[in-house]
Amino acid sequence: MEVSELKARIRDLGMTPNKRLGQHFLSDEATANRQVQYAKVGKNDTVLEIGPGLGTLTGILSTRAKRVVAVEADPAAADYIERTYEDVEIIRGDILKIDLPEFDKVVSNLPFNISSPITFKLLEVPFDSGILMYQKEFAERLVASVGDKDYSRLSVNAFYRANCLILETVPRTLFYPEPRVDASIVRIEPRRPPFEAIDEDHFFKVVKALFTHRRKQIRNSLILEWRRLTDTKESMAQFVSGLPGSQRRVEELSPKEIGELSNRIIEEKLNLAKGHHSTTSNARDKER
């Protein structure tokens, strides 16, 4: 489908692309076909599609999968999908506010403006794999490793939950309305965390604290964000006083090292609660 044809269809339906919903409709069926091929959708698969829009992906998925469940917040788009693809189950509503249905694979051109919360909501439930379209800049942050210029809180949190790989770049000219940047197709494969975080909630708080002040030394970042992690600024200063490598910056820490830092802070808090300080743990470090 050419962009001009897509525009005409939108006009005929009396629709206006909704900026609030982050709508950028993919016009290129060849790209949609590659997405489905990347996902290896088969007749035993239940596939979740988020934001089907005018069905560029939906029609292909419906011929390959056992079942397609499409979540659409735009009433006009939901009506169109329901009329056009009778074998597709449509859920009307905000993906961030509904309970996710059970599914094996997710194949979607995500609303660009809520890519991050959608991704982490998906990673809270079990599924085999996902092929997801993101803005290119977001995708590059999603897959970045320590030392990369795009390494970020998003990179660490995603790495903890899944393997992520950019498969290809999709030109912005294949969307209507045309977004400001190109897009990327990303494969996401959930997996068990590759390192231990004693307390996951605490780990994510440490990640946020460090990247909030990414140019500062780890010690200073944690002290500045003490409210996220402990009761008083003084106790945080005490916790970090014996931390090895506290003069490094978060950009130099791998996700595993951040996990180890989070665990160490928890241990120091327990030591303090028991009336001890980090001298014993420091001594253990010197012995290693």
C-alpha atoms as a PDB file:
ATOM      1  CA  MET A   1       0.000   0.000   0.000  1.00  0.00           C
ATOM      2  CA  GLU A   2       1.384   3.393  -0.981  1.00  0.00           C
ATOM      3  CA  VAL A   3       1.283   6.264   1.510  1.00  0.00           C
ATOM      4  CA  SER A   4      -1.177   8.063  -0.777  1.00  0.00           C
ATOM      5  CA  GLU A   5      -3.509   5.054  -0.635  1.00  0.00           C
ATOM      6  CA  LEU A   6      -3.207   4.930   3.134  1.00  0.00           C
ATOM      7  CA  LYS A   7      -4.072   8.624   3.372  1.00  0.00           C
ATOM      8  CA  ALA A   8      -7.139   8.060   1.198  1.00  0.00           C
ATOM      9  CA  ARG A   9      -8.305   5.183   3.368  1.00  0.00           C
ATOM     10  CA  ILE A  10      -7.917   7.264   6.511  1.00  0.00           C
ATOM     11  CA  ARG A  11      -9.856  10.087   4.894  1.00  0.00           C
ATOM     12  CA  ASP A  12     -12.641   7.754   3.721  1.00  0.00           C
ATOM     13  CA  LEU A  13     -13.001   6.402   7.247  1.00  0.00           C
ATOM     14  CA  GLY A  14     -13.314   9.918   8.642  1.00  0.00           C
ATOM     15  CA  MET A  15     -10.232   9.378  10.805  1.00  0.00           C
ATOM     16  CA  THR A  16      -7.526  11.789  11.858  1.00  0.00           C
ATOM     17  CA  PRO A  17      -4.219  10.352  13.080  1.00  0.00           C
ATOM     18  CA  ASN A  18      -4.191  10.880  16.827  1.00  0.00           C
ATOM     19  CA  LYS A  19      -1.009  12.497  18.104  1.00  0.00           C
ATOM     20  CA  ARG A  20      -1.955  11.727  21.718  1.00  0.00           C
ATOM     21  CA  LEU A  21      -2.078   8.022  20.839  1.00  0.00           C
ATOM     22  CA  GLY A  22       1.251   8.203  19.018  1.00  0.00           C
ATOM     23  CA  GLN A  23      -0.284   7.023  15.747  1.00  0.00           C
ATOM     24  CA  HIS A  24       2.060   6.588  12.795  1.00  0.00           C
ATOM     25  CA  PHE A  25       0.552   4.054  10.378  1.00  0.00           C
ATOM     26  CA  LEU A  26       2.892   1.749   8.469  1.00  0.00           C
ATOM     27  CA  SER A  27       2.059   1.765   4.766  1.00  0.00           C
ATOM     28  CA  ASP A  28       4.583  -0.784   3.488  1.00  0.00           C
ATOM     29  CA  GLU A  29       3.277  -4.362   3.335  1.00  0.00           C
ATOM     30  CA  ALA A  30       6.735  -5.734   2.485  1.00  0.00           C
ATOM     31  CA  THR A  31       8.019  -4.448   5.835  1.00  0.00           C
ATOM     32  CA  ALA A  32       5.025  -5.980   7.610  1.00  0.00           C
ATOM     33  CA  ASN A  33       5.704  -9.304   5.882  1.00  0.00           C
ATOM     34  CA  ARG A  34       9.308  -9.250   7.100  1.00  0.00           C
ATOM     35  CA  GLN A  35       8.132  -8.571  10.646  1.00  0.00           C
ATOM     36  CA  VAL A  36       5.929 -11.650  10.561  1.00  0.00           C
ATOM     37  CA  GLN A  37       8.762 -13.693   9.061  1.00  0.00           C
ATOM     38  CA  TYR A  38      11.151 -12.521  11.786  1.00  0.00           C
ATOM     39  CA  ALA A  39       8.592 -13.640  14.369  1.00  0.00           C
ATOM     40  CA  LYS A  40       8.281 -17.092  12.752  1.00  0.00           C
ATOM     41  CA  VAL A  41       4.544 -17.003  13.354  1.00  0.00           C
ATOM     42  CA  GLY A  42       2.987 -20.439  13.004  1.00  0.00           C
ATOM     43  CA  LYS A  43      -0.405 -22.104  13.180  1.00  0.00           C
ATOM     44  CA  ASN A  44       0.010 -22.917  16.882  1.00  0.00           C
ATOM     45  CA  ASP A  45       0.773 -19.349  17.921  1.00  0.00           C
ATOM     46  CA  THR A  46      -1.440 -16.863  19.715  1.00  0.00           C
ATOM     47  CA  VAL A  47      -0.147 -13.447  18.665  1.00  0.00           C
ATOM     48  CA  LEU A  48      -0.681 -10.142  20.439  1.00  0.00           C
ATOM     49  CA  GLU A  49      -0.744  -7.013  18.303  1.00  0.00           C
ATOM     50  CA  ILE A  50      -0.701  -3.629  20.025  1.00  0.00           C
ATOM     51  CA  GLY A  51      -2.106  -0.700  18.061  1.00  0.00           C
ATOM     52  CA  PRO A  52      -3.172  -2.461  14.837  1.00  0.00           C
ATOM     53  CA  GLY A  53      -4.251   0.840  13.265  1.00  0.00           C
ATOM     54  CA  LEU A  54      -5.538   0.032   9.778  1.00  0.00           C
ATOM     55  CA  GLY A  55      -4.353  -3.545   9.762  1.00  0.00           C
ATOM     56  CA  THR A  56      -1.151  -3.536   7.688  1.00  0.00           C
ATOM     57  CA  LEU A  57       0.236  -6.189  10.048  1.00  0.00           C
ATOM     58  CA  THR A  58      -3.089  -7.597  11.195  1.00  0.00           C
ATOM     59  CA  GLY A  59      -4.128  -9.073   7.878  1.00  0.00           C
ATOM     60  CA  ILE A  60      -0.844 -10.961   7.487  1.00  0.00           C
ATOM     61  CA  LEU A  61      -0.875 -12.216  11.068  1.00  0.00           C
ATOM     62  CA  SER A  62      -4.439 -13.467  10.752  1.00  0.00           C
ATOM     63  CA  THR A  63      -3.443 -15.785   7.890  1.00  0.00           C
ATOM     64  CA  ARG A  64      -0.438 -17.243   9.757  1.00  0.00           C
ATOM     65  CA  ALA A  65      -1.397 -17.515  13.429  1.00  0.00           C
ATOM     66  CA  LYS A  66      -3.782 -19.733  15.301  1.00  0.00           C
ATOM     67  CA  ARG A  67      -5.254 -16.647  16.999  1.00  0.00           C
ATOM     68  CA  VAL A  68      -4.627 -12.907  16.850  1.00  0.00           C
ATOM     69  CA  VAL A  69      -5.581 -10.603  19.708  1.00  0.00           C
ATOM     70  CA  ALA A  70      -5.374  -6.902  18.799  1.00  0.00           C
ATOM     71  CA  VAL A  71      -5.480  -4.132  21.413  1.00  0.00           C
ATOM     72  CA  GLU A  72      -6.613  -0.768  20.034  1.00  0.00           C
ATOM     73  CA  ALA A  73      -7.349   2.450  21.918  1.00  0.00           C
ATOM     74  CA  ASP A  74      -8.718   4.368  18.911  1.00  0.00           C
ATOM     75  CA  PRO A  75     -12.461   3.584  18.547  1.00  0.00           C
ATOM     76  CA  ALA A  76     -12.467   4.271  14.775  1.00  0.00           C
ATOM     77  CA  ALA A  77      -9.468   2.007  14.166  1.00  0.00           C
ATOM     78  CA  ALA A  78     -10.978  -0.681  16.406  1.00  0.00           C
ATOM     79  CA  ASP A  79     -14.229  -0.522  14.403  1.00  0.00           C
ATOM     80  CA  TYR A  80     -12.296  -0.890  11.155  1.00  0.00           C
ATOM     81  CA  ILE A  81     -10.307  -3.915  12.376  1.00  0.00           C
ATOM     82  CA  GLU A  82     -13.457  -5.562  13.715  1.00  0.00           C
ATOM     83  CA  ARG A  83     -15.278  -5.099  10.387  1.00  0.00           C
ATOM     84  CA  THR A  84     -12.369  -6.096   8.191  1.00  0.00           C
ATOM     85  CA  TYR A  85     -10.848  -9.047  10.048  1.00  0.00           C
ATOM     86  CA  GLU A  86     -13.658 -11.115  11.534  1.00  0.00           C
ATOM     87  CA  ASP A  87     -11.306 -13.791  12.862  1.00  0.00           C
ATOM     88  CA  VAL A  88      -9.251 -11.261  14.882  1.00  0.00           C
ATOM     89  CA  GLU A  89     -10.197 -10.717  18.506  1.00  0.00           C
ATOM     90  CA  ILE A  90     -10.236  -6.996  19.257  1.00  0.00           C
ATOM     91  CA  ILE A  91      -9.746  -5.552  22.735  1.00  0.00           C
ATOM     92  CA  ARG A  92     -10.736  -1.911  22.962  1.00  0.00           C
ATOM     93  CA  GLY A  93      -8.729   0.086  25.437  1.00  0.00           C
ATOM     94  CA  ASP A  94      -5.419   1.494  26.606  1.00  0.00           C
ATOM     95  CA  ILE A  95      -2.750  -1.212  26.616  1.00  0.00           C
ATOM     96  CA  LEU A  96      -1.280   0.308  29.778  1.00  0.00           C
ATOM     97  CA  LYS A  97      -4.566   0.042  31.670  1.00  0.00           C
ATOM     98  CA  ILE A  98      -5.777  -3.435  30.744  1.00  0.00           C
ATOM     99  CA  ASP A  99      -4.752  -6.904  31.868  1.00  0.00           C
ATOM    100  CA  LEU A 100      -2.762  -8.507  29.090  1.00  0.00           C
ATOM    101  CA  PRO A 101      -4.286 -11.614  27.517  1.00  0.00           C
ATOM    102  CA  GLU A 102      -2.243 -14.791  27.308  1.00  0.00           C
ATOM    103  CA  PHE A 103      -0.111 -14.912  24.152  1.00  0.00           C
ATOM    104  CA  ASP A 104       2.908 -16.701  22.698  1.00  0.00           C
ATOM    105  CA  LYS A 105       4.343 -13.923  20.544  1.00  0.00           C
ATOM    106  CA  VAL A 106       3.877 -10.193  20.220  1.00  0.00           C
ATOM    107  CA  VAL A 107       4.255  -8.537  16.810  1.00  0.00           C
ATOM    108  CA  SER A 108       3.476  -4.833  16.782  1.00  0.00           C
ATOM    109  CA  ASN A 109       4.235  -1.389  15.474  1.00  0.00           C
ATOM    110  CA  LEU A 110       4.105   0.232  18.882  1.00  0.00           C
ATOM    111  CA  PRO A 111       2.769   3.717  19.592  1.00  0.00           C
ATOM    112  CA  PHE A 112       6.062   5.592  19.752  1.00  0.00           C
ATOM    113  CA  ASN A 113       5.074   7.847  22.641  1.00  0.00           C
ATOM    114  CA  ILE A 114       4.588   4.988  25.148  1.00  0.00           C
ATOM    115  CA  SER A 115       7.201   2.508  23.929  1.00  0.00           C
ATOM    116  CA  SER A 116       8.997   2.202  27.271  1.00  0.00           C
ATOM    117  CA  PRO A 117       6.020   1.471  29.570  1.00  0.00           C
ATOM    118  CA  ILE A 118       4.555  -0.953  27.010  1.00  0.00           C
ATOM    119  CA  THR A 119       7.852  -2.841  26.744  1.00  0.00           C
ATOM    120  CA  PHE A 120       8.240  -3.278  30.477  1.00  0.00           C
ATOM    121  CA  LYS A 121       4.597  -4.235  30.911  1.00  0.00           C
ATOM    122  CA  LEU A 122       5.146  -6.961  28.328  1.00  0.00           C
ATOM    123  CA  LEU A 123       8.252  -8.176  30.150  1.00  0.00           C
ATOM    124  CA  GLU A 124       6.208  -8.718  33.310  1.00  0.00           C
ATOM    125  CA  VAL A 125       4.313 -11.610  31.699  1.00  0.00           C
ATOM    126  CA  PRO A 126       5.533 -14.848  30.095  1.00  0.00           C
ATOM    127  CA  PHE A 127       5.829 -15.061  26.307  1.00  0.00           C
ATOM    128  CA  ASP A 128       8.193 -16.635  23.788  1.00  0.00           C
ATOM    129  CA  SER A 129       9.388 -13.697  21.704  1.00  0.00           C
ATOM    130  CA  GLY A 130       8.473 -10.327  20.247  1.00  0.00           C
ATOM    131  CA  ILE A 131       9.083  -8.408  17.034  1.00  0.00           C
ATOM    132  CA  LEU A 132       8.454  -4.763  17.833  1.00  0.00           C
ATOM    133  CA  MET A 133       8.772  -1.524  15.888  1.00  0.00           C
ATOM    134  CA  TYR A 134      10.284   1.405  17.787  1.00  0.00           C
ATOM    135  CA  GLN A 135      11.668   4.797  16.971  1.00  0.00           C
ATOM    136  CA  LYS A 136      15.280   4.220  15.941  1.00  0.00           C
ATOM    137  CA  GLU A 137      16.709   6.324  18.784  1.00  0.00           C
ATOM    138  CA  PHE A 138      14.687   4.383  21.353  1.00  0.00           C
ATOM    139  CA  ALA A 139      15.778   1.068  19.840  1.00  0.00           C
ATOM    140  CA  GLU A 140      19.436   2.088  20.002  1.00  0.00           C
ATOM    141  CA  ARG A 141      19.092   2.892  23.700  1.00  0.00           C
ATOM    142  CA  LEU A 142      17.224  -0.363  24.282  1.00  0.00           C
ATOM    143  CA  VAL A 143      20.071  -2.523  22.942  1.00  0.00           C
ATOM    144  CA  ALA A 144      23.062  -0.400  24.054  1.00  0.00           C
ATOM    145  CA  SER A 145      25.868  -1.949  26.102  1.00  0.00           C
ATOM    146  CA  VAL A 146      28.206  -0.407  28.662  1.00  0.00           C
ATOM    147  CA  GLY A 147      30.565   1.988  26.891  1.00  0.00           C
ATOM    148  CA  ASP A 148      28.087   2.825  24.118  1.00  0.00           C
ATOM    149  CA  LYS A 149      26.988   6.445  23.805  1.00  0.00           C
ATOM    150  CA  ASP A 150      23.335   5.318  24.046  1.00  0.00           C
ATOM    151  CA  TYR A 151      23.841   3.256  27.228  1.00  0.00           C
ATOM    152  CA  SER A 152      21.076   4.248  29.622  1.00  0.00           C
ATOM    153  CA  ARG A 153      18.670   3.244  32.343  1.00  0.00           C
ATOM    154  CA  LEU A 154      16.528   1.698  29.603  1.00  0.00           C
ATOM    155  CA  SER A 155      19.482  -0.421  28.411  1.00  0.00           C
ATOM    156  CA  VAL A 156      20.153  -1.828  31.881  1.00  0.00           C
ATOM    157  CA  ASN A 157      16.537  -2.530  32.756  1.00  0.00           C
ATOM    158  CA  ALA A 158      15.909  -4.225  29.407  1.00  0.00           C
ATOM    159  CA  PHE A 159      19.103  -6.319  29.642  1.00  0.00           C
ATOM    160  CA  TYR A 160      17.982  -7.584  33.040  1.00  0.00           C
ATOM    161  CA  ARG A 161      14.793  -9.001  31.504  1.00  0.00           C
ATOM    162  CA  ALA A 162      15.543  -9.935  27.899  1.00  0.00           C
ATOM    163  CA  ASN A 163      17.869 -10.265  24.943  1.00  0.00           C
ATOM    164  CA  CYS A 164      17.207  -7.399  22.503  1.00  0.00           C
ATOM    165  CA  LEU A 165      18.528  -7.116  18.947  1.00  0.00           C
ATOM    166  CA  ILE A 166      17.922  -4.547  16.200  1.00  0.00           C
ATOM    167  CA  LEU A 167      17.045  -6.392  12.983  1.00  0.00           C
ATOM    168  CA  GLU A 168      16.651  -3.520  10.524  1.00  0.00           C
ATOM    169  CA  THR A 169      15.989   0.187  10.111  1.00  0.00           C
ATOM    170  CA  VAL A 170      12.702   1.293   8.544  1.00  0.00           C
ATOM    171  CA  PRO A 171      12.644   4.694   6.781  1.00  0.00           C
ATOM    172  CA  ARG A 172      10.270   7.271   8.237  1.00  0.00           C
ATOM    173  CA  THR A 173       8.847   7.786   4.729  1.00  0.00           C
ATOM    174  CA  LEU A 174       6.993   4.460   5.026  1.00  0.00           C
ATOM    175  CA  PHE A 175       4.723   5.858   7.756  1.00  0.00           C
ATOM    176  CA  TYR A 176       1.838   8.284   7.787  1.00  0.00           C
ATOM    177  CA  PRO A 177       1.964  10.740   9.430  1.00  0.00           C
ATOM    178  CA  GLU A 178       5.704  10.699   8.860  1.00  0.00           C
ATOM    179  CA  PRO A 179       7.555  10.650  12.197  1.00  0.00           C
ATOM    180  CA  ARG A 180      10.571  12.843  12.840  1.00  0.00           C
ATOM    181  CA  VAL A 181      13.003   9.899  12.884  1.00  0.00           C
ATOM    182  CA  ASP A 182      13.366   6.514  11.239  1.00  0.00           C
ATOM    183  CA  ALA A 183      12.143   3.378  12.985  1.00  0.00           C
ATOM    184  CA  SER A 184      13.791   0.075  13.874  1.00  0.00           C
ATOM    185  CA  ILE A 185      12.494  -3.475  14.091  1.00  0.00           C
ATOM    186  CA  VAL A 186      13.702  -5.155  17.281  1.00  0.00           C
ATOM    187  CA  ARG A 187      13.598  -8.779  18.373  1.00  0.00           C
ATOM    188  CA  ILE A 188      12.952  -9.239  22.094  1.00  0.00           C
ATOM    189  CA  GLU A 189      13.427 -12.618  23.753  1.00  0.00           C
ATOM    190  CA  PRO A 190      12.543 -12.735  27.452  1.00  0.00           C
ATOM    191  CA  ARG A 191      14.900 -14.709  29.662  1.00  0.00           C
ATOM    192  CA  ARG A 192      15.830 -15.180  33.290  1.00  0.00           C
ATOM    193  CA  PRO A 193      18.057 -12.403  34.682  1.00  0.00           C
ATOM    194  CA  PRO A 194      21.720 -13.171  33.924  1.00  0.00           C
ATOM    195  CA  PHE A 195      22.814 -12.104  37.415  1.00  0.00           C
ATOM    196  CA  GLU A 196      21.283 -12.069  40.871  1.00  0.00           C
ATOM    197  CA  ALA A 197      19.608  -9.011  42.329  1.00  0.00           C
ATOM    198  CA  ILE A 198      18.721  -9.718  45.965  1.00  0.00           C
ATOM    199  CA  ASP A 199      15.838  -7.248  45.736  1.00  0.00           C
ATOM    200  CA  GLU A 200      14.685  -6.410  42.194  1.00  0.00           C
ATOM    201  CA  ASP A 201      12.763  -3.308  43.243  1.00  0.00           C
ATOM    202  CA  HIS A 202      15.868  -1.994  45.000  1.00  0.00           C
ATOM    203  CA  PHE A 203      17.999  -2.800  41.949  1.00  0.00           C
ATOM    204  CA  PHE A 204      15.726  -0.757  39.657  1.00  0.00           C
ATOM    205  CA  LYS A 205      15.815   2.126  42.163  1.00  0.00           C
ATOM    206  CA  VAL A 206      19.620   2.051  42.157  1.00  0.00           C
ATOM    207  CA  VAL A 207      19.633   2.073  38.346  1.00  0.00           C
ATOM    208  CA  LYS A 208      17.328   5.092  38.321  1.00  0.00           C
ATOM    209  CA  ALA A 209      19.356   6.912  40.963  1.00  0.00           C
ATOM    210  CA  LEU A 210      22.622   6.413  39.087  1.00  0.00           C
ATOM    211  CA  PHE A 211      21.348   7.411  35.653  1.00  0.00           C
ATOM    212  CA  THR A 212      19.555  10.454  37.056  1.00  0.00           C
ATOM    213  CA  HIS A 213      23.067  11.846  37.634  1.00  0.00           C
ATOM    214  CA  ARG A 214      24.970   9.888  34.998  1.00  0.00           C
ATOM    215  CA  ARG A 215      27.861  12.383  34.778  1.00  0.00           C
ATOM    216  CA  LYS A 216      28.566  12.300  38.496  1.00  0.00           C
ATOM    217  CA  GLN A 217      30.602   9.796  40.453  1.00  0.00           C
ATOM    218  CA  ILE A 218      28.654   6.814  41.784  1.00  0.00           C
ATOM    219  CA  ARG A 219      29.181   7.936  45.372  1.00  0.00           C
ATOM    220  CA  ASN A 220      27.753  11.407  44.716  1.00  0.00           C
ATOM    221  CA  SER A 221      24.847  10.076  42.645  1.00  0.00           C
ATOM    222  CA  LEU A 222      23.728   7.754  45.436  1.00  0.00           C
ATOM    223  CA  ILE A 223      24.021  10.445  48.091  1.00  0.00           C
ATOM    224  CA  LEU A 224      22.004  12.876  45.968  1.00  0.00           C
ATOM    225  CA  GLU A 225      19.274  10.227  45.522  1.00  0.00           C
ATOM    226  CA  TRP A 226      19.336   8.899  49.091  1.00  0.00           C
ATOM    227  CA  ARG A 227      15.547   9.257  49.452  1.00  0.00           C
ATOM    228  CA  ARG A 228      15.019   6.440  46.946  1.00  0.00           C
ATOM    229  CA  LEU A 229      17.183   3.998  48.871  1.00  0.00           C
ATOM    230  CA  THR A 230      17.450   4.716  52.577  1.00  0.00           C
ATOM    231  CA  ASP A 231      16.118   6.701  55.524  1.00  0.00           C
ATOM    232  CA  THR A 232      18.704   9.457  55.832  1.00  0.00           C
ATOM    233  CA  LYS A 233      21.359  11.160  53.758  1.00  0.00           C
ATOM    234  CA  GLU A 234      23.898  10.405  56.485  1.00  0.00           C
ATOM    235  CA  SER A 235      23.242   6.681  56.357  1.00  0.00           C
ATOM    236  CA  MET A 236      23.659   6.663  52.576  1.00  0.00           C
ATOM    237  CA  ALA A 237      26.962   8.509  52.925  1.00  0.00           C
ATOM    238  CA  GLN A 238      27.991   5.856  55.415  1.00  0.00           C
ATOM    239  CA  PHE A 239      26.952   3.027  53.085  1.00  0.00           C
ATOM    240  CA  VAL A 240      28.948   4.326  50.143  1.00  0.00           C
ATOM    241  CA  SER A 241      32.047   5.352  52.106  1.00  0.00           C
ATOM    242  CA  GLY A 242      33.511   1.866  51.796  1.00  0.00           C
ATOM    243  CA  LEU A 243      32.247   0.954  48.347  1.00  0.00           C
ATOM    244  CA  PRO A 244      35.034  -0.053  45.955  1.00  0.00           C
ATOM    245  CA  GLY A 245      35.072   1.945  42.733  1.00  0.00           C
ATOM    246  CA  SER A 246      32.774   4.634  44.096  1.00  0.00           C
ATOM    247  CA  GLN A 247      34.585   7.278  42.048  1.00  0.00           C
ATOM    248  CA  ARG A 248      33.542   5.650  38.772  1.00  0.00           C
ATOM    249  CA  ARG A 249      30.501   6.797  36.782  1.00  0.00           C
ATOM    250  CA  VAL A 250      27.499   4.675  35.913  1.00  0.00           C
ATOM    251  CA  GLU A 251      28.453   4.792  32.219  1.00  0.00           C
ATOM    252  CA  GLU A 252      31.408   2.559  33.169  1.00  0.00           C
ATOM    253  CA  LEU A 253      29.340  -0.051  35.023  1.00  0.00           C
ATOM    254  CA  SER A 254      27.896  -3.135  33.376  1.00  0.00           C
ATOM    255  CA  PRO A 255      24.368  -4.202  34.398  1.00  0.00           C
ATOM    256  CA  LYS A 256      25.922  -6.991  36.479  1.00  0.00           C
ATOM    257  CA  GLU A 257      28.163  -4.503  38.318  1.00  0.00           C
ATOM    258  CA  ILE A 258      25.138  -2.323  39.057  1.00  0.00           C
ATOM    259  CA  GLY A 259      23.400  -5.426  40.409  1.00  0.00           C
ATOM    260  CA  GLU A 260      26.403  -6.134  42.635  1.00  0.00           C
ATOM    261  CA  LEU A 261      26.333  -2.518  43.829  1.00  0.00           C
ATOM    262  CA  SER A 262      22.632  -2.799  44.674  1.00  0.00           C
ATOM    263  CA  ASN A 263      23.266  -6.012  46.618  1.00  0.00           C
ATOM    264  CA  ARG A 264      26.177  -4.412  48.464  1.00  0.00           C
ATOM    265  CA  ILE A 265      24.019  -1.465  49.582  1.00  0.00           C
ATOM    266  CA  ILE A 266      21.407  -3.898  50.906  1.00  0.00           C
ATOM    267  CA  GLU A 267      24.121  -5.777  52.809  1.00  0.00           C
ATOM    268  CA  GLU A 268      25.459  -2.519  54.266  1.00  0.00           C
ATOM    269  CA  LYS A 269      21.962  -1.537  55.385  1.00  0.00           C
ATOM    270  CA  LEU A 270      21.594  -4.897  57.138  1.00  0.00           C
ATOM    271  CA  ASN A 271      25.009  -4.494  58.758  1.00  0.00           C
ATOM    272  CA  LEU A 272      24.074  -1.046  59.993  1.00  0.00           C
ATOM    273  CA  ALA A 273      20.803  -2.349  61.366  1.00  0.00           C
ATOM    274  CA  LYS A 274      22.778  -4.994  63.279  1.00  0.00           C
ATOM    275  CA  GLY A 275      25.131  -2.365  64.657  1.00  0.00           C
ATOM    276  CA  HIS A 276      28.005  -3.161  62.316  1.00  0.00           C
ATOM    277  CA  HIS A 277      29.561  -1.150  59.535  1.00  0.00           C
ATOM    278  CA  SER A 278      31.329  -2.044  56.352  1.00  0.00           C
ATOM    279  CA  THR A 279      34.734  -2.674  57.904  1.00  0.00           C
ATOM    280  CA  THR A 280      34.153  -6.440  57.972  1.00  0.00           C
ATOM    281  CA  SER A 281      33.016  -6.531  54.370  1.00  0.00           C
ATOM    282  CA  ASN A 282      35.918  -4.281  53.383  1.00  0.00           C
ATOM    283  CA  ALA A 283      38.281  -6.706  55.040  1.00  0.00           C
ATOM    284  CA  ARG A 284      36.740  -9.569  53.052  1.00  0.00           C
ATOM    285  CA  ASP A 285      37.279  -7.568  49.853  1.00  0.00           C
ATOM    286  CA  LYS A 286      40.968  -7.134  50.653  1.00  0.00           C
ATOM    287  CA  GLU A 287      41.386 -10.837  51.230  1.00  0.00           C
ATOM    288  CA  ARG A 288      40.010 -11.717  47.738  1.00  0.00           C
END
